Amino acid sequence: MTPARGRRTRIVLGEVARARRVNRTRRELAEQTEIGDALIKGLVRAQLALALRLALLVGLGLGTLPLLFTVAPALGGVRVLGVSLPWVLLGVLPYPFLVAVGWIYVRMSERNEREFTELVEK
């Protein structure tokens, strides 16, 4: 009686090398080596740059409204649905604008983290 043969497994050296690279990169991150530190600093820099760009967008978007009414005072007399335009632009519209910027920030920061994870796993 011959022993039952098991299913054959194909081993490819490229897969083994890739697994070693992933483990080495994760180890460098966990041990906080110079390479791991550089990877983390790159992610932090990308997140900071994103936050600063969107903060600049909010600052310009909301900060120019008072300037607009100073430069063009006739806009202060315009009424929209019985409410003066400055109240609509300064009291109502900033909230949807801020929610949209927050939504964009979350999506873009998740993309940065996903790219970082893909880089680490390569």
Protein backbone atom coordinates (compact mmCIF):
# COMPACT_ATOMS: atom_id res chain seq x y z
CA MET A 1 0.00 0.00 0.00
CA THR A 2 1.44 3.38 -1.00
CA PRO A 3 0.98 6.45 1.19
CA ALA A 4 -1.58 9.01 0.00
CA ARG A 5 0.03 11.85 -1.79
CA GLY A 6 -0.78 15.36 -0.61
CA ARG A 7 -1.49 18.29 -2.82
CA ARG A 8 1.56 19.84 -4.38
CA THR A 9 2.53 23.36 -3.39
CA ARG A 10 4.43 25.59 -5.73
CA ILE A 11 6.99 27.82 -4.04
CA VAL A 12 8.27 30.82 -5.94
CA LEU A 13 11.36 32.64 -4.71
CA GLY A 14 9.89 36.04 -5.62
CA GLU A 15 7.04 35.53 -3.18
CA VAL A 16 9.47 34.59 -0.41
CA ALA A 17 11.60 37.66 -1.12
CA ARG A 18 8.52 39.92 -1.10
CA ALA A 19 7.40 38.51 2.24
CA ARG A 20 10.84 39.18 3.71
CA ARG A 21 10.76 42.78 2.41
CA VAL A 22 7.35 43.43 3.96
CA ASN A 23 8.44 41.96 7.27
CA ARG A 24 11.68 43.96 7.21
CA THR A 25 9.83 47.23 6.53
CA ARG A 26 7.29 46.52 9.26
CA ARG A 27 10.12 45.66 11.64
CA GLU A 28 11.86 48.95 10.80
CA LEU A 29 8.65 50.82 11.56
CA ALA A 30 8.10 48.95 14.83
CA GLU A 31 11.72 49.31 15.95
CA GLN A 32 11.78 52.97 14.85
CA THR A 33 14.95 52.67 12.81
CA GLU A 34 16.13 55.52 10.59
CA ILE A 35 14.24 54.12 7.60
CA GLY A 36 11.06 53.60 9.60
CA ASP A 37 11.41 57.08 11.07
CA ALA A 38 11.80 58.55 7.58
CA LEU A 39 8.66 56.73 6.39
CA ILE A 40 6.63 58.01 9.34
CA LYS A 41 7.95 61.55 8.89
CA GLY A 42 6.93 61.41 5.22
CA LEU A 43 3.38 60.46 6.18
CA VAL A 44 3.22 63.18 8.83
CA ARG A 45 4.55 65.73 6.33
CA ALA A 46 1.94 64.72 3.75
CA GLN A 47 -0.86 65.01 6.32
CA LEU A 48 0.43 68.39 7.52
CA ALA A 49 0.68 69.73 3.96
CA LEU A 50 -2.89 68.62 3.30
CA ALA A 51 -4.14 70.27 6.49
CA LEU A 52 -2.32 73.53 5.72
CA ARG A 53 -3.65 73.65 2.16
CA LEU A 54 -7.22 73.16 3.31
CA ALA A 55 -6.78 75.65 6.16
CA LEU A 56 -5.57 78.19 3.61
CA LEU A 57 -8.64 77.44 1.49
CA VAL A 58 -10.94 78.02 4.48
CA GLY A 59 -9.05 81.16 5.49
CA LEU A 60 -9.28 82.61 2.01
CA GLY A 61 -12.85 81.48 1.48
CA LEU A 62 -14.20 82.94 4.71
CA GLY A 63 -11.66 85.70 5.24
CA THR A 64 -12.34 87.45 1.96
CA LEU A 65 -16.06 87.84 2.64
CA PRO A 66 -15.70 90.79 5.07
CA LEU A 67 -13.18 92.31 2.66
CA LEU A 68 -15.72 91.94 -0.14
CA PHE A 69 -18.33 93.88 1.81
CA THR A 70 -15.77 96.57 2.67
CA VAL A 71 -14.76 97.00 -0.96
CA ALA A 72 -18.33 96.81 -2.31
CA PRO A 73 -20.61 98.24 0.41
CA ALA A 74 -23.58 98.19 -1.99
CA LEU A 75 -23.69 94.38 -1.54
CA GLY A 76 -24.67 94.95 2.09
CA GLY A 77 -28.07 96.23 0.97
CA VAL A 78 -28.90 93.22 -1.21
CA ARG A 79 -31.60 90.97 0.26
CA VAL A 80 -31.98 87.23 -0.34
CA LEU A 81 -35.28 85.71 0.80
CA GLY A 82 -35.83 88.70 3.06
CA VAL A 83 -32.40 88.42 4.71
CA SER A 84 -29.48 90.70 3.92
CA LEU A 85 -26.71 89.14 1.82
CA PRO A 86 -23.97 89.59 4.45
CA TRP A 87 -25.99 87.54 6.96
CA VAL A 88 -26.54 84.80 4.41
CA LEU A 89 -22.88 84.68 3.37
CA LEU A 90 -21.43 84.98 6.88
CA GLY A 91 -24.07 83.22 8.95
CA VAL A 92 -25.48 80.43 6.79
CA LEU A 93 -23.18 79.43 3.92
CA PRO A 94 -19.98 78.85 5.95
CA TYR A 95 -21.44 75.73 7.56
CA PRO A 96 -21.96 73.69 4.38
CA PHE A 97 -18.59 75.00 3.16
CA LEU A 98 -16.85 73.80 6.34
CA VAL A 99 -18.58 70.42 6.19
CA ALA A 100 -17.45 70.01 2.57
CA VAL A 101 -13.84 70.93 3.44
CA GLY A 102 -13.93 68.50 6.37
CA TRP A 103 -15.25 65.73 4.13
CA ILE A 104 -12.50 66.43 1.59
CA TYR A 105 -9.88 66.39 4.34
CA VAL A 106 -11.02 63.00 5.63
CA ARG A 107 -11.05 61.46 2.15
CA MET A 108 -7.63 62.84 1.19
CA SER A 109 -6.01 61.90 4.51
CA GLU A 110 -7.39 58.36 4.14
CA ARG A 111 -5.86 58.28 0.66
CA ASN A 112 -2.48 59.35 2.12
CA GLU A 113 -2.69 56.60 4.73
CA ARG A 114 -3.68 54.03 2.10
CA GLU A 115 -0.70 55.02 -0.07
CA PHE A 116 1.57 54.77 2.99
CA THR A 117 0.24 51.28 3.75
CA GLU A 118 0.77 50.22 0.12
CA LEU A 119 4.32 51.56 0.26
CA VAL A 120 5.05 49.63 3.43
CA GLU A 121 3.55 46.43 2.06
CA LYS A 122 5.47 46.56 -1.25
